[in-house]
């Protein structure tokens, strides 16, 4: 399918991003949208998750969406602003069952200031984080 058609199909999820993020199946559709479209073609995605951004970063499927955003859209100003909000709680996220995946992706694909924010959170309570089952993945 051409780009225009892909963008029109993706637009069918407008106002339904939260529902798709809760779905064990539809979250894969969102991930694909982020992989193949530009932030401008599917700007509604970031807009719809901004309000509950920390909740989604700790969600079983939501964390996957955040990882795709770091991998493919981090240069977009709206995506960067969203991720900055999420990483304001980097210390809490790295100790969370699903949130640590978001922090790991930020270390791999995030912007320099985001990586510095994570390193600062790690150093703040290094022993506690190193001893935490989930944060230990980030420490590695």
C-alpha atoms as a PDB file:
ATOM      1  CA  UNK A   1       0.000   0.000   0.000  1.00  0.00           C
ATOM      2  CA  UNK A   2       1.166   3.542  -0.718  1.00  0.00           C
ATOM      3  CA  UNK A   3       2.031   6.046   1.983  1.00  0.00           C
ATOM      4  CA  UNK A   4      -1.166   7.995   1.571  1.00  0.00           C
ATOM      5  CA  UNK A   5      -3.243   4.860   1.991  1.00  0.00           C
ATOM      6  CA  UNK A   6      -1.165   3.777   4.996  1.00  0.00           C
ATOM      7  CA  UNK A   7      -1.719   7.150   6.656  1.00  0.00           C
ATOM      8  CA  UNK A   8      -5.483   6.993   5.973  1.00  0.00           C
ATOM      9  CA  UNK A   9      -5.689   3.486   7.446  1.00  0.00           C
ATOM     10  CA  UNK A  10      -3.711   4.620  10.517  1.00  0.00           C
ATOM     11  CA  UNK A  11      -6.065   7.589  10.918  1.00  0.00           C
ATOM     12  CA  UNK A  12      -8.796   5.035  11.607  1.00  0.00           C
ATOM     13  CA  UNK A  13      -7.228   4.626  15.059  1.00  0.00           C
ATOM     14  CA  UNK A  14      -7.612   8.314  15.874  1.00  0.00           C
ATOM     15  CA  UNK A  15      -9.349   8.630  19.254  1.00  0.00           C
ATOM     16  CA  UNK A  16      -8.720   4.927  19.821  1.00  0.00           C
ATOM     17  CA  UNK A  17      -5.028   4.860  20.746  1.00  0.00           C
ATOM     18  CA  UNK A  18      -5.682   4.124  24.436  1.00  0.00           C
ATOM     19  CA  UNK A  19      -7.936   1.207  23.573  1.00  0.00           C
ATOM     20  CA  UNK A  20      -5.361  -0.141  21.118  1.00  0.00           C
ATOM     21  CA  UNK A  21      -2.607   0.140  23.727  1.00  0.00           C
ATOM     22  CA  UNK A  22      -4.647  -2.001  26.122  1.00  0.00           C
ATOM     23  CA  UNK A  23      -5.092  -4.718  23.519  1.00  0.00           C
ATOM     24  CA  UNK A  24      -2.673  -7.647  23.277  1.00  0.00           C
ATOM     25  CA  UNK A  25      -3.261  -7.540  19.513  1.00  0.00           C
ATOM     26  CA  UNK A  26      -3.970  -3.942  18.511  1.00  0.00           C
ATOM     27  CA  UNK A  27      -0.797  -2.680  20.193  1.00  0.00           C
ATOM     28  CA  UNK A  28       1.090  -4.357  17.342  1.00  0.00           C
ATOM     29  CA  UNK A  29      -0.849  -2.193  14.886  1.00  0.00           C
ATOM     30  CA  UNK A  30       0.286   0.917  16.770  1.00  0.00           C
ATOM     31  CA  UNK A  31       3.865  -0.328  16.758  1.00  0.00           C
ATOM     32  CA  UNK A  32       3.690  -0.820  12.995  1.00  0.00           C
ATOM     33  CA  UNK A  33       2.246   2.666  12.500  1.00  0.00           C
ATOM     34  CA  UNK A  34       5.201   4.136  14.406  1.00  0.00           C
ATOM     35  CA  UNK A  35       7.652   2.063  12.360  1.00  0.00           C
ATOM     36  CA  UNK A  36       6.323   2.932   8.904  1.00  0.00           C
ATOM     37  CA  UNK A  37       4.819   6.415   9.197  1.00  0.00           C
ATOM     38  CA  UNK A  38       6.394   9.715  10.138  1.00  0.00           C
ATOM     39  CA  UNK A  39       5.365  11.574  13.298  1.00  0.00           C
ATOM     40  CA  UNK A  40       3.561  14.117  11.110  1.00  0.00           C
ATOM     41  CA  UNK A  41       1.515  11.390   9.412  1.00  0.00           C
ATOM     42  CA  UNK A  42       0.316   9.950  12.730  1.00  0.00           C
ATOM     43  CA  UNK A  43       0.685  12.828  15.195  1.00  0.00           C
ATOM     44  CA  UNK A  44      -2.483  11.736  16.983  1.00  0.00           C
ATOM     45  CA  UNK A  45      -0.574   8.823  18.576  1.00  0.00           C
ATOM     46  CA  UNK A  46       1.637  11.009  20.770  1.00  0.00           C
ATOM     47  CA  UNK A  47      -1.192  13.441  21.425  1.00  0.00           C
ATOM     48  CA  UNK A  48      -3.519  10.753  22.749  1.00  0.00           C
ATOM     49  CA  UNK A  49      -1.074   9.171  25.202  1.00  0.00           C
ATOM     50  CA  UNK A  50       0.328  12.377  26.655  1.00  0.00           C
ATOM     51  CA  UNK A  51      -2.296  12.791  29.382  1.00  0.00           C
ATOM     52  CA  UNK A  52      -1.611   9.404  31.007  1.00  0.00           C
ATOM     53  CA  UNK A  53       1.998   9.099  29.884  1.00  0.00           C
ATOM     54  CA  UNK A  54       3.391   7.582  33.093  1.00  0.00           C
ATOM     55  CA  UNK A  55       0.575   5.065  33.329  1.00  0.00           C
ATOM     56  CA  UNK A  56       1.269   3.903  29.772  1.00  0.00           C
ATOM     57  CA  UNK A  57       5.014   3.645  30.404  1.00  0.00           C
ATOM     58  CA  UNK A  58       4.194   1.127  33.140  1.00  0.00           C
ATOM     59  CA  UNK A  59       1.662  -0.805  31.086  1.00  0.00           C
ATOM     60  CA  UNK A  60       2.340  -4.297  29.747  1.00  0.00           C
ATOM     61  CA  UNK A  61       1.689  -3.219  26.149  1.00  0.00           C
ATOM     62  CA  UNK A  62       2.131   0.537  26.512  1.00  0.00           C
ATOM     63  CA  UNK A  63       5.824   0.114  27.260  1.00  0.00           C
ATOM     64  CA  UNK A  64       6.214  -1.442  23.795  1.00  0.00           C
ATOM     65  CA  UNK A  65       4.732   1.665  22.176  1.00  0.00           C
ATOM     66  CA  UNK A  66       7.193   3.866  24.064  1.00  0.00           C
ATOM     67  CA  UNK A  67      10.081   1.711  22.891  1.00  0.00           C
ATOM     68  CA  UNK A  68       8.978   2.112  19.259  1.00  0.00           C
ATOM     69  CA  UNK A  69       8.659   5.874  19.804  1.00  0.00           C
ATOM     70  CA  UNK A  70      12.255   6.003  21.062  1.00  0.00           C
ATOM     71  CA  UNK A  71      13.455   3.893  18.144  1.00  0.00           C
ATOM     72  CA  UNK A  72      11.658   5.731  15.341  1.00  0.00           C
ATOM     73  CA  UNK A  73      10.281   9.136  16.381  1.00  0.00           C
ATOM     74  CA  UNK A  74      12.589  10.540  19.063  1.00  0.00           C
ATOM     75  CA  UNK A  75      13.765  13.393  16.821  1.00  0.00           C
ATOM     76  CA  UNK A  76      10.196  14.729  16.670  1.00  0.00           C
ATOM     77  CA  UNK A  77       9.675  17.619  19.112  1.00  0.00           C
ATOM     78  CA  UNK A  78       6.324  16.314  20.403  1.00  0.00           C
ATOM     79  CA  UNK A  79       7.745  12.838  20.957  1.00  0.00           C
ATOM     80  CA  UNK A  80      10.788  14.300  22.703  1.00  0.00           C
ATOM     81  CA  UNK A  81       8.543  16.364  24.992  1.00  0.00           C
ATOM     82  CA  UNK A  82       6.462  13.288  25.828  1.00  0.00           C
ATOM     83  CA  UNK A  83       9.527  11.214  26.610  1.00  0.00           C
ATOM     84  CA  UNK A  84      10.990  14.000  28.737  1.00  0.00           C
ATOM     85  CA  UNK A  85       7.795  13.902  30.824  1.00  0.00           C
ATOM     86  CA  UNK A  86       8.038  10.137  31.179  1.00  0.00           C
ATOM     87  CA  UNK A  87      11.732  10.160  32.059  1.00  0.00           C
ATOM     88  CA  UNK A  88      11.136  12.696  34.827  1.00  0.00           C
ATOM     89  CA  UNK A  89      10.352   9.524  36.795  1.00  0.00           C
ATOM     90  CA  UNK A  90      13.255   7.486  35.414  1.00  0.00           C
ATOM     91  CA  UNK A  91      14.116   6.159  38.861  1.00  0.00           C
ATOM     92  CA  UNK A  92      10.621   4.808  39.445  1.00  0.00           C
ATOM     93  CA  UNK A  93      10.318   3.460  35.915  1.00  0.00           C
ATOM     94  CA  UNK A  94      13.563   1.519  36.040  1.00  0.00           C
ATOM     95  CA  UNK A  95      12.300  -0.403  39.074  1.00  0.00           C
ATOM     96  CA  UNK A  96       8.944  -1.229  37.477  1.00  0.00           C
ATOM     97  CA  UNK A  97       8.161  -4.572  35.831  1.00  0.00           C
ATOM     98  CA  UNK A  98       7.336  -2.969  32.478  1.00  0.00           C
ATOM     99  CA  UNK A  99       8.730   0.535  32.930  1.00  0.00           C
ATOM    100  CA  UNK A 100      12.328  -0.680  32.889  1.00  0.00           C
ATOM    101  CA  UNK A 101      11.900  -1.580  29.205  1.00  0.00           C
ATOM    102  CA  UNK A 102      11.177   2.088  28.445  1.00  0.00           C
ATOM    103  CA  UNK A 103      14.306   3.199  30.309  1.00  0.00           C
ATOM    104  CA  UNK A 104      16.433   0.614  28.497  1.00  0.00           C
ATOM    105  CA  UNK A 105      15.147   1.837  25.122  1.00  0.00           C
ATOM    106  CA  UNK A 106      15.857   5.418  26.168  1.00  0.00           C
ATOM    107  CA  UNK A 107      19.463   4.468  26.891  1.00  0.00           C
ATOM    108  CA  UNK A 108      19.750   2.824  23.478  1.00  0.00           C
ATOM    109  CA  UNK A 109      17.876   5.379  21.367  1.00  0.00           C
ATOM    110  CA  UNK A 110      17.192   8.480  23.467  1.00  0.00           C
ATOM    111  CA  UNK A 111      18.689  11.918  23.128  1.00  0.00           C
ATOM    112  CA  UNK A 112      21.832  12.839  25.099  1.00  0.00           C
ATOM    113  CA  UNK A 113      19.929  14.849  27.728  1.00  0.00           C
ATOM    114  CA  UNK A 114      17.571  11.918  28.290  1.00  0.00           C
ATOM    115  CA  UNK A 115      20.456   9.514  28.787  1.00  0.00           C
ATOM    116  CA  UNK A 116      22.049  11.940  31.253  1.00  0.00           C
ATOM    117  CA  UNK A 117      18.788  12.098  33.180  1.00  0.00           C
ATOM    118  CA  UNK A 118      18.750   8.297  33.462  1.00  0.00           C
ATOM    119  CA  UNK A 119      22.387   8.144  34.559  1.00  0.00           C
ATOM    120  CA  UNK A 120      21.653  10.747  37.245  1.00  0.00           C
ATOM    121  CA  UNK A 121      18.712   8.662  38.488  1.00  0.00           C
ATOM    122  CA  UNK A 122      20.891   5.543  38.528  1.00  0.00           C
ATOM    123  CA  UNK A 123      23.659   7.242  40.507  1.00  0.00           C
ATOM    124  CA  UNK A 124      21.214   8.721  43.010  1.00  0.00           C
ATOM    125  CA  UNK A 125      20.413   5.308  44.515  1.00  0.00           C
ATOM    126  CA  UNK A 126      22.880   3.053  42.759  1.00  0.00           C
ATOM    127  CA  UNK A 127      22.957   0.232  45.323  1.00  0.00           C
ATOM    128  CA  UNK A 128      19.175   0.186  45.624  1.00  0.00           C
ATOM    129  CA  UNK A 129      18.820   0.129  41.850  1.00  0.00           C
ATOM    130  CA  UNK A 130      21.510  -2.504  41.341  1.00  0.00           C
ATOM    131  CA  UNK A 131      19.755  -4.717  43.876  1.00  0.00           C
ATOM    132  CA  UNK A 132      16.332  -4.274  42.307  1.00  0.00           C
ATOM    133  CA  UNK A 133      15.235  -7.068  39.991  1.00  0.00           C
ATOM    134  CA  UNK A 134      14.003  -4.692  37.251  1.00  0.00           C
ATOM    135  CA  UNK A 135      16.478  -1.834  37.639  1.00  0.00           C
ATOM    136  CA  UNK A 136      19.319  -4.352  37.424  1.00  0.00           C
ATOM    137  CA  UNK A 137      18.498  -4.720  33.705  1.00  0.00           C
ATOM    138  CA  UNK A 138      19.129  -0.998  33.285  1.00  0.00           C
ATOM    139  CA  UNK A 139      22.334  -1.127  35.330  1.00  0.00           C
ATOM    140  CA  UNK A 140      23.683  -3.856  33.020  1.00  0.00           C
END
